Amino acid sequence: MMTVKTVTVSWMLALLVLAGANLSAATLQISSGEQRVNLVELYTSEGCSSCPPAEAWLNGFLKDEDLWHRVIPVAFHVDYWDYIGWKDRFAQSRFSDRQYRYQQEGGIRTVYTPGVLLNGEELRSWSRQRPGVADETPGALTLDVTGNHVTVRFASTSKPAGEMRLHLAILAFGLTSEIAAGENRGRQLAHEFVVVGMSASDAADLNWQMQLPEIRPTDAKRHALVAWVSEPDRLRPLQATGGWLPAKP
């Protein structure tokens, strides 16, 4: 029996504030349910001429009825193409490092863009398929957000061997860039699901108390909060969840 993911929002602060690198949100509760939610990771760059089609594919999840319920898309902008003529304003070296780490762990054979992973495994046929319904039931991942504070619980259906790592990420939406140099010179690129802030923490009891990640200021139209859990020494996600952060009225 499929467990329905629940997302409830109650207004407490009635605003979403982006000031410097801090994000404040109204009270929010998000839960994955026990059934596995797919995490789709896109590694991309504004300096890569092959990336716009992959970003258009990822952007299509905005209209997918399974968004947040069965699939969590995220776009990591890497910086290793910045030298070829255009510096990606969303790129961070730690996102490049994450992709290289996937190569070390065997999740991908080589580091390239656009690179897509589904639940930590390389998905080369991304343009011809959408993530299906996962059979696994790893357990419910639940987030309670009040202001900048996040309380997280993972009710695992199996007893973990030790600590688990929680990853929190803030996603930005409705972004556009006018590219003036490099492979995409003269193009306007539309970006969704852009990771603009990320943090992680380990816990043995599968309970976490964290703050919302600090983010880089952008001209985003709205934001979302996503989370996933993994083993501390592995990137492969075991469960994920996410949802919209309340927008300023």
C-alpha atoms as a PDB file:
ATOM      1  CA  MET A   1       0.000   0.000   0.000  1.00  0.00           C
ATOM      2  CA  MET A   2       1.408   3.352  -1.021  1.00  0.00           C
ATOM      3  CA  THR A   3       1.784   5.917   1.720  1.00  0.00           C
ATOM      4  CA  VAL A   4       0.641   9.362   0.648  1.00  0.00           C
ATOM      5  CA  LYS A   5       3.148  12.143   1.208  1.00  0.00           C
ATOM      6  CA  THR A   6       1.720  14.980   3.231  1.00  0.00           C
ATOM      7  CA  VAL A   7       2.606  18.643   2.952  1.00  0.00           C
ATOM      8  CA  THR A   8       0.972  21.062   5.340  1.00  0.00           C
ATOM      9  CA  VAL A   9       1.658  24.756   5.630  1.00  0.00           C
ATOM     10  CA  SER A  10       0.450  27.070   8.382  1.00  0.00           C
ATOM     11  CA  TRP A  11       1.380  30.726   8.264  1.00  0.00           C
ATOM     12  CA  MET A  12       3.341  31.951  11.241  1.00  0.00           C
ATOM     13  CA  LEU A  13       5.596  34.649   9.864  1.00  0.00           C
ATOM     14  CA  ALA A  14       3.539  35.203   6.696  1.00  0.00           C
ATOM     15  CA  LEU A  15       6.635  36.011   4.676  1.00  0.00           C
ATOM     16  CA  LEU A  16       9.729  34.647   3.029  1.00  0.00           C
ATOM     17  CA  VAL A  17      12.706  36.914   3.628  1.00  0.00           C
ATOM     18  CA  LEU A  18      15.881  36.867   1.606  1.00  0.00           C
ATOM     19  CA  ALA A  19      18.341  39.217   3.281  1.00  0.00           C
ATOM     20  CA  GLY A  20      22.011  38.807   2.517  1.00  0.00           C
ATOM     21  CA  ALA A  21      22.602  35.076   2.805  1.00  0.00           C
ATOM     22  CA  ASN A  22      19.822  34.236   5.256  1.00  0.00           C
ATOM     23  CA  LEU A  23      16.432  32.729   4.461  1.00  0.00           C
ATOM     24  CA  SER A  24      13.475  32.830   6.843  1.00  0.00           C
ATOM     25  CA  ALA A  25      10.327  30.785   6.309  1.00  0.00           C
ATOM     26  CA  ALA A  26       6.895  30.303   7.795  1.00  0.00           C
ATOM     27  CA  THR A  27       6.061  27.146   9.708  1.00  0.00           C
ATOM     28  CA  LEU A  28       6.156  24.186   7.344  1.00  0.00           C
ATOM     29  CA  GLN A  29       5.862  20.403   7.684  1.00  0.00           C
ATOM     30  CA  ILE A  30       6.931  18.022   4.946  1.00  0.00           C
ATOM     31  CA  SER A  31       6.937  14.214   5.022  1.00  0.00           C
ATOM     32  CA  SER A  32       7.974  11.688   2.395  1.00  0.00           C
ATOM     33  CA  GLY A  33       5.881   8.775   3.581  1.00  0.00           C
ATOM     34  CA  GLU A  34       7.533   5.350   3.789  1.00  0.00           C
ATOM     35  CA  GLN A  35       7.798   4.737   0.044  1.00  0.00           C
ATOM     36  CA  ARG A  36      11.008   5.876  -1.557  1.00  0.00           C
ATOM     37  CA  VAL A  37      10.997   9.297  -3.219  1.00  0.00           C
ATOM     38  CA  ASN A  38      13.322   9.559  -6.229  1.00  0.00           C
ATOM     39  CA  LEU A  39      16.161  12.084  -6.075  1.00  0.00           C
ATOM     40  CA  VAL A  40      17.188  13.329  -9.527  1.00  0.00           C
ATOM     41  CA  GLU A  41      20.506  15.209  -9.625  1.00  0.00           C
ATOM     42  CA  LEU A  42      21.559  17.257 -12.642  1.00  0.00           C
ATOM     43  CA  TYR A  43      25.148  18.491 -12.899  1.00  0.00           C
ATOM     44  CA  THR A  44      25.181  21.446 -15.256  1.00  0.00           C
ATOM     45  CA  SER A  45      26.941  24.671 -16.223  1.00  0.00           C
ATOM     46  CA  GLU A  46      26.030  27.883 -18.005  1.00  0.00           C
ATOM     47  CA  GLY A  47      29.307  27.463 -19.882  1.00  0.00           C
ATOM     48  CA  CYS A  48      28.270  24.121 -21.400  1.00  0.00           C
ATOM     49  CA  SER A  49      26.485  24.219 -24.779  1.00  0.00           C
ATOM     50  CA  SER A  50      25.082  20.712 -24.239  1.00  0.00           C
ATOM     51  CA  CYS A  51      23.408  21.612 -20.952  1.00  0.00           C
ATOM     52  CA  PRO A  52      20.347  23.702 -21.955  1.00  0.00           C
ATOM     53  CA  PRO A  53      18.397  20.646 -23.249  1.00  0.00           C
ATOM     54  CA  ALA A  54      19.063  18.818 -19.976  1.00  0.00           C
ATOM     55  CA  GLU A  55      17.951  21.838 -17.972  1.00  0.00           C
ATOM     56  CA  ALA A  56      14.792  22.097 -20.083  1.00  0.00           C
ATOM     57  CA  TRP A  57      14.118  18.432 -19.271  1.00  0.00           C
ATOM     58  CA  LEU A  58      14.630  19.056 -15.556  1.00  0.00           C
ATOM     59  CA  ASN A  59      12.518  22.218 -15.677  1.00  0.00           C
ATOM     60  CA  GLY A  60       9.668  20.077 -16.992  1.00  0.00           C
ATOM     61  CA  PHE A  61       9.237  18.555 -13.541  1.00  0.00           C
ATOM     62  CA  LEU A  62       7.624  21.834 -12.474  1.00  0.00           C
ATOM     63  CA  LYS A  63       4.462  20.652 -14.214  1.00  0.00           C
ATOM     64  CA  ASP A  64       4.759  17.033 -13.070  1.00  0.00           C
ATOM     65  CA  GLU A  65       2.041  15.915 -10.658  1.00  0.00           C
ATOM     66  CA  ASP A  66       4.635  13.726  -8.943  1.00  0.00           C
ATOM     67  CA  LEU A  67       6.813  16.704  -7.997  1.00  0.00           C
ATOM     68  CA  TRP A  68       7.737  16.496  -4.275  1.00  0.00           C
ATOM     69  CA  HIS A  69       5.563  13.364  -3.885  1.00  0.00           C
ATOM     70  CA  ARG A  70       7.594  10.860  -5.911  1.00  0.00           C
ATOM     71  CA  VAL A  71      10.451  12.888  -7.355  1.00  0.00           C
ATOM     72  CA  ILE A  72      12.824  15.563  -6.041  1.00  0.00           C
ATOM     73  CA  PRO A  73      14.826  17.253  -8.842  1.00  0.00           C
ATOM     74  CA  VAL A  74      17.934  19.296  -7.996  1.00  0.00           C
ATOM     75  CA  ALA A  75      20.399  21.149 -10.239  1.00  0.00           C
ATOM     76  CA  PHE A  76      24.017  21.427  -9.107  1.00  0.00           C
ATOM     77  CA  HIS A  77      25.937  24.035 -11.119  1.00  0.00           C
ATOM     78  CA  VAL A  78      29.607  23.049 -11.372  1.00  0.00           C
ATOM     79  CA  ASP A  79      32.555  25.399 -11.788  1.00  0.00           C
ATOM     80  CA  TYR A  80      35.010  23.343 -13.851  1.00  0.00           C
ATOM     81  CA  TRP A  81      33.855  24.980 -17.117  1.00  0.00           C
ATOM     82  CA  ASP A  82      34.194  28.547 -15.818  1.00  0.00           C
ATOM     83  CA  TYR A  83      37.615  28.891 -17.463  1.00  0.00           C
ATOM     84  CA  ILE A  84      36.324  28.557 -21.047  1.00  0.00           C
ATOM     85  CA  GLY A  85      34.836  32.027 -21.268  1.00  0.00           C
ATOM     86  CA  TRP A  86      31.823  32.314 -18.979  1.00  0.00           C
ATOM     87  CA  LYS A  87      31.651  32.170 -15.187  1.00  0.00           C
ATOM     88  CA  ASP A  88      28.462  30.479 -13.989  1.00  0.00           C
ATOM     89  CA  ARG A  89      27.020  32.646 -11.197  1.00  0.00           C
ATOM     90  CA  PHE A  90      25.363  29.620  -9.559  1.00  0.00           C
ATOM     91  CA  ALA A  91      28.429  27.364  -9.663  1.00  0.00           C
ATOM     92  CA  GLN A  92      30.169  26.215  -6.492  1.00  0.00           C
ATOM     93  CA  SER A  93      33.344  24.167  -6.222  1.00  0.00           C
ATOM     94  CA  ARG A  94      31.738  21.856  -3.672  1.00  0.00           C
ATOM     95  CA  PHE A  95      29.176  20.829  -6.294  1.00  0.00           C
ATOM     96  CA  SER A  96      32.013  19.902  -8.653  1.00  0.00           C
ATOM     97  CA  ASP A  97      33.623  17.996  -5.775  1.00  0.00           C
ATOM     98  CA  ARG A  98      30.349  16.145  -5.204  1.00  0.00           C
ATOM     99  CA  GLN A  99      30.292  14.951  -8.801  1.00  0.00           C
ATOM    100  CA  TYR A 100      33.921  13.819  -8.594  1.00  0.00           C
ATOM    101  CA  ARG A 101      33.048  11.977  -5.376  1.00  0.00           C
ATOM    102  CA  TYR A 102      30.302  10.112  -7.236  1.00  0.00           C
ATOM    103  CA  GLN A 103      32.929   8.986  -9.720  1.00  0.00           C
ATOM    104  CA  GLN A 104      35.132   7.719  -6.881  1.00  0.00           C
ATOM    105  CA  GLU A 105      32.196   5.807  -5.409  1.00  0.00           C
ATOM    106  CA  GLY A 106      31.289   4.235  -8.754  1.00  0.00           C
ATOM    107  CA  GLY A 107      28.008   6.072  -9.249  1.00  0.00           C
ATOM    108  CA  ILE A 108      29.267   7.534 -12.541  1.00  0.00           C
ATOM    109  CA  ARG A 109      31.996   6.423 -14.910  1.00  0.00           C
ATOM    110  CA  THR A 110      33.313   9.884 -15.736  1.00  0.00           C
ATOM    111  CA  VAL A 111      32.723  13.509 -14.798  1.00  0.00           C
ATOM    112  CA  TYR A 112      30.874  15.469 -17.476  1.00  0.00           C
ATOM    113  CA  THR A 113      27.987  17.838 -18.122  1.00  0.00           C
ATOM    114  CA  PRO A 114      25.138  17.462 -18.429  1.00  0.00           C
ATOM    115  CA  GLY A 115      25.300  14.592 -15.970  1.00  0.00           C
ATOM    116  CA  VAL A 116      22.159  13.077 -14.455  1.00  0.00           C
ATOM    117  CA  LEU A 117      21.879  10.678 -11.540  1.00  0.00           C
ATOM    118  CA  LEU A 118      18.768   8.894 -10.302  1.00  0.00           C
ATOM    119  CA  ASN A 119      19.033   7.846  -6.665  1.00  0.00           C
ATOM    120  CA  GLY A 120      22.814   7.990  -6.867  1.00  0.00           C
ATOM    121  CA  GLU A 121      23.184   6.035 -10.110  1.00  0.00           C
ATOM    122  CA  GLU A 122      24.078   7.408 -13.535  1.00  0.00           C
ATOM    123  CA  LEU A 123      21.109   7.963 -15.856  1.00  0.00           C
ATOM    124  CA  ARG A 124      22.403   8.396 -19.399  1.00  0.00           C
ATOM    125  CA  SER A 125      18.982   7.913 -21.010  1.00  0.00           C
ATOM    126  CA  TRP A 126      17.427  10.837 -19.122  1.00  0.00           C
ATOM    127  CA  SER A 127      16.016  12.438 -22.280  1.00  0.00           C
ATOM    128  CA  ARG A 128      13.900   9.358 -23.028  1.00  0.00           C
ATOM    129  CA  GLN A 129      12.494   8.515 -19.627  1.00  0.00           C
ATOM    130  CA  ARG A 130      11.032   9.810 -16.388  1.00  0.00           C
ATOM    131  CA  PRO A 131      11.640   8.300 -12.952  1.00  0.00           C
ATOM    132  CA  GLY A 132       9.135   5.567 -12.180  1.00  0.00           C
ATOM    133  CA  VAL A 133       7.544   4.591  -8.895  1.00  0.00           C
ATOM    134  CA  ALA A 134      10.170   3.177  -6.553  1.00  0.00           C
ATOM    135  CA  ASP A 135       9.479  -0.203  -4.951  1.00  0.00           C
ATOM    136  CA  GLU A 136      11.547   0.354  -1.812  1.00  0.00           C
ATOM    137  CA  THR A 137      10.062   1.514   1.492  1.00  0.00           C
ATOM    138  CA  PRO A 138      13.033   2.932   3.427  1.00  0.00           C
ATOM    139  CA  GLY A 139      10.884   4.907   5.877  1.00  0.00           C
ATOM    140  CA  ALA A 140       9.394   8.345   6.394  1.00  0.00           C
ATOM    141  CA  LEU A 141      11.602  11.433   6.360  1.00  0.00           C
ATOM    142  CA  THR A 142       9.802  14.317   8.074  1.00  0.00           C
ATOM    143  CA  LEU A 143      10.793  17.981   8.304  1.00  0.00           C
ATOM    144  CA  ASP A 144       9.317  20.615  10.602  1.00  0.00           C
ATOM    145  CA  VAL A 145      10.449  24.153   9.814  1.00  0.00           C
ATOM    146  CA  THR A 146       9.817  27.113  12.109  1.00  0.00           C
ATOM    147  CA  GLY A 147      11.565  30.293  11.085  1.00  0.00           C
ATOM    148  CA  ASN A 148      15.145  29.256  10.298  1.00  0.00           C
ATOM    149  CA  HIS A 149      15.034  26.178  12.536  1.00  0.00           C
ATOM    150  CA  VAL A 150      14.555  22.706  11.056  1.00  0.00           C
ATOM    151  CA  THR A 151      13.656  19.592  13.056  1.00  0.00           C
ATOM    152  CA  VAL A 152      14.066  16.366  11.099  1.00  0.00           C
ATOM    153  CA  ARG A 153      13.136  12.769  11.862  1.00  0.00           C
ATOM    154  CA  PHE A 154      13.818   9.663   9.815  1.00  0.00           C
ATOM    155  CA  ALA A 155      11.622   6.705  10.799  1.00  0.00           C
ATOM    156  CA  SER A 156      13.697   4.027   9.097  1.00  0.00           C
ATOM    157  CA  THR A 157      11.999   0.701   8.356  1.00  0.00           C
ATOM    158  CA  SER A 158      15.331  -1.056   8.933  1.00  0.00           C
ATOM    159  CA  LYS A 159      17.774  -0.587  11.768  1.00  0.00           C
ATOM    160  CA  PRO A 160      20.734   1.505  10.534  1.00  0.00           C
ATOM    161  CA  ALA A 161      24.195   0.157  11.306  1.00  0.00           C
ATOM    162  CA  GLY A 162      25.340   3.526  12.625  1.00  0.00           C
ATOM    163  CA  GLU A 163      25.039   7.216  11.956  1.00  0.00           C
ATOM    164  CA  MET A 164      23.217   8.630   8.971  1.00  0.00           C
ATOM    165  CA  ARG A 165      23.806  11.931   7.214  1.00  0.00           C
ATOM    166  CA  LEU A 166      21.062  14.468   6.571  1.00  0.00           C
ATOM    167  CA  HIS A 167      21.450  16.829   3.627  1.00  0.00           C
ATOM    168  CA  LEU A 168      19.418  20.052   3.431  1.00  0.00           C
ATOM    169  CA  ALA A 169      19.274  22.172   0.285  1.00  0.00           C
ATOM    170  CA  ILE A 170      17.517  25.370  -0.715  1.00  0.00           C
ATOM    171  CA  LEU A 171      16.394  25.459  -4.348  1.00  0.00           C
ATOM    172  CA  ALA A 172      15.783  28.640  -6.351  1.00  0.00           C
ATOM    173  CA  PHE A 173      13.252  28.987  -9.172  1.00  0.00           C
ATOM    174  CA  GLY A 174      12.396  31.356 -12.002  1.00  0.00           C
ATOM    175  CA  LEU A 175      15.976  32.357 -12.747  1.00  0.00           C
ATOM    176  CA  THR A 176      17.287  33.599 -16.085  1.00  0.00           C
ATOM    177  CA  SER A 177      20.777  34.474 -17.273  1.00  0.00           C
ATOM    178  CA  GLU A 178      21.871  36.426 -20.342  1.00  0.00           C
ATOM    179  CA  ILE A 179      25.051  34.717 -21.498  1.00  0.00           C
ATOM    180  CA  ALA A 180      27.571  37.152 -22.970  1.00  0.00           C
ATOM    181  CA  ALA A 181      30.523  34.831 -23.621  1.00  0.00           C
ATOM    182  CA  GLY A 182      31.548  31.204 -23.922  1.00  0.00           C
ATOM    183  CA  GLU A 183      29.757  28.327 -25.646  1.00  0.00           C
ATOM    184  CA  ASN A 184      26.279  29.723 -24.922  1.00  0.00           C
ATOM    185  CA  ARG A 185      27.068  33.281 -25.963  1.00  0.00           C
ATOM    186  CA  GLY A 186      23.975  35.238 -26.988  1.00  0.00           C
ATOM    187  CA  ARG A 187      21.531  32.845 -25.338  1.00  0.00           C
ATOM    188  CA  GLN A 188      19.096  33.441 -22.501  1.00  0.00           C
ATOM    189  CA  LEU A 189      19.067  30.458 -20.156  1.00  0.00           C
ATOM    190  CA  ALA A 190      16.155  29.580 -17.877  1.00  0.00           C
ATOM    191  CA  HIS A 191      16.971  27.799 -14.619  1.00  0.00           C
ATOM    192  CA  GLU A 192      14.777  25.942 -12.115  1.00  0.00           C
ATOM    193  CA  PHE A 193      15.608  23.714  -9.116  1.00  0.00           C
ATOM    194  CA  VAL A 194      18.974  25.481  -8.680  1.00  0.00           C
ATOM    195  CA  VAL A 195      20.789  24.548  -5.462  1.00  0.00           C
ATOM    196  CA  VAL A 196      21.756  27.877  -3.876  1.00  0.00           C
ATOM    197  CA  GLY A 197      22.434  26.657  -0.332  1.00  0.00           C
ATOM    198  CA  MET A 198      23.300  23.315   1.205  1.00  0.00           C
ATOM    199  CA  SER A 199      24.329  21.853   4.558  1.00  0.00           C
ATOM    200  CA  ALA A 200      24.697  18.417   6.140  1.00  0.00           C
ATOM    201  CA  SER A 201      24.806  16.839   9.589  1.00  0.00           C
ATOM    202  CA  ASP A 202      25.250  13.321  11.012  1.00  0.00           C
ATOM    203  CA  ALA A 203      23.133  11.682  13.707  1.00  0.00           C
ATOM    204  CA  ALA A 204      22.961   8.209  15.214  1.00  0.00           C
ATOM    205  CA  ASP A 205      19.409   8.503  16.563  1.00  0.00           C
ATOM    206  CA  LEU A 206      18.039   9.722  13.191  1.00  0.00           C
ATOM    207  CA  ASN A 207      16.879  13.009  14.720  1.00  0.00           C
ATOM    208  CA  TRP A 208      18.365  16.330  13.685  1.00  0.00           C
ATOM    209  CA  GLN A 209      18.130  19.936  14.826  1.00  0.00           C
ATOM    210  CA  MET A 210      19.493  22.252  12.141  1.00  0.00           C
ATOM    211  CA  GLN A 211      19.246  25.733  10.699  1.00  0.00           C
ATOM    212  CA  LEU A 212      18.172  26.464   7.141  1.00  0.00           C
ATOM    213  CA  PRO A 213      21.266  26.569   4.914  1.00  0.00           C
ATOM    214  CA  GLU A 214      22.752  29.961   4.145  1.00  0.00           C
ATOM    215  CA  ILE A 215      22.122  30.878   0.544  1.00  0.00           C
ATOM    216  CA  ARG A 216      23.548  33.143  -2.104  1.00  0.00           C
ATOM    217  CA  PRO A 217      21.268  36.081  -2.952  1.00  0.00           C
ATOM    218  CA  THR A 218      19.543  35.662  -6.312  1.00  0.00           C
ATOM    219  CA  ASP A 219      16.621  37.108  -8.219  1.00  0.00           C
ATOM    220  CA  ALA A 220      14.620  33.913  -7.685  1.00  0.00           C
ATOM    221  CA  LYS A 221      10.837  34.031  -7.962  1.00  0.00           C
ATOM    222  CA  ARG A 222      10.381  31.388  -5.263  1.00  0.00           C
ATOM    223  CA  HIS A 223      12.252  28.783  -3.210  1.00  0.00           C
ATOM    224  CA  ALA A 224      11.863  25.207  -2.041  1.00  0.00           C
ATOM    225  CA  LEU A 225      13.443  23.174   0.743  1.00  0.00           C
ATOM    226  CA  VAL A 226      14.554  19.625   0.035  1.00  0.00           C
ATOM    227  CA  ALA A 227      16.248  17.006   2.181  1.00  0.00           C
ATOM    228  CA  TRP A 228      17.661  13.535   1.800  1.00  0.00           C
ATOM    229  CA  VAL A 229      19.483  11.019   3.965  1.00  0.00           C
ATOM    230  CA  SER A 230      22.483   8.864   3.137  1.00  0.00           C
ATOM    231  CA  GLU A 231      25.149   6.846   4.870  1.00  0.00           C
ATOM    232  CA  PRO A 232      27.841   9.211   6.228  1.00  0.00           C
ATOM    233  CA  ASP A 233      30.550   7.892   3.905  1.00  0.00           C
ATOM    234  CA  ARG A 234      28.381   7.536   0.796  1.00  0.00           C
ATOM    235  CA  LEU A 235      26.525   9.997  -1.441  1.00  0.00           C
ATOM    236  CA  ARG A 236      23.797   7.599  -2.576  1.00  0.00           C
ATOM    237  CA  PRO A 237      20.473   8.876  -1.150  1.00  0.00           C
ATOM    238  CA  LEU A 238      18.251   6.478   0.783  1.00  0.00           C
ATOM    239  CA  GLN A 239      15.168   8.688   1.146  1.00  0.00           C
ATOM    240  CA  ALA A 240      14.244  12.222   0.107  1.00  0.00           C
ATOM    241  CA  THR A 241      11.522  14.782   0.585  1.00  0.00           C
ATOM    242  CA  GLY A 242      10.853  18.395  -0.241  1.00  0.00           C
ATOM    243  CA  GLY A 243       8.303  21.109  -0.788  1.00  0.00           C
ATOM    244  CA  TRP A 244       7.703  24.758  -1.537  1.00  0.00           C
ATOM    245  CA  LEU A 245       8.675  27.384   0.974  1.00  0.00           C
ATOM    246  CA  PRO A 246       5.869  29.908   1.479  1.00  0.00           C
ATOM    247  CA  ALA A 247       6.235  32.882  -0.824  1.00  0.00           C
ATOM    248  CA  LYS A 248       5.915  36.484   0.209  1.00  0.00           C
ATOM    249  CA  PRO A 249       2.246  37.497  -0.235  1.00  0.00           C
END
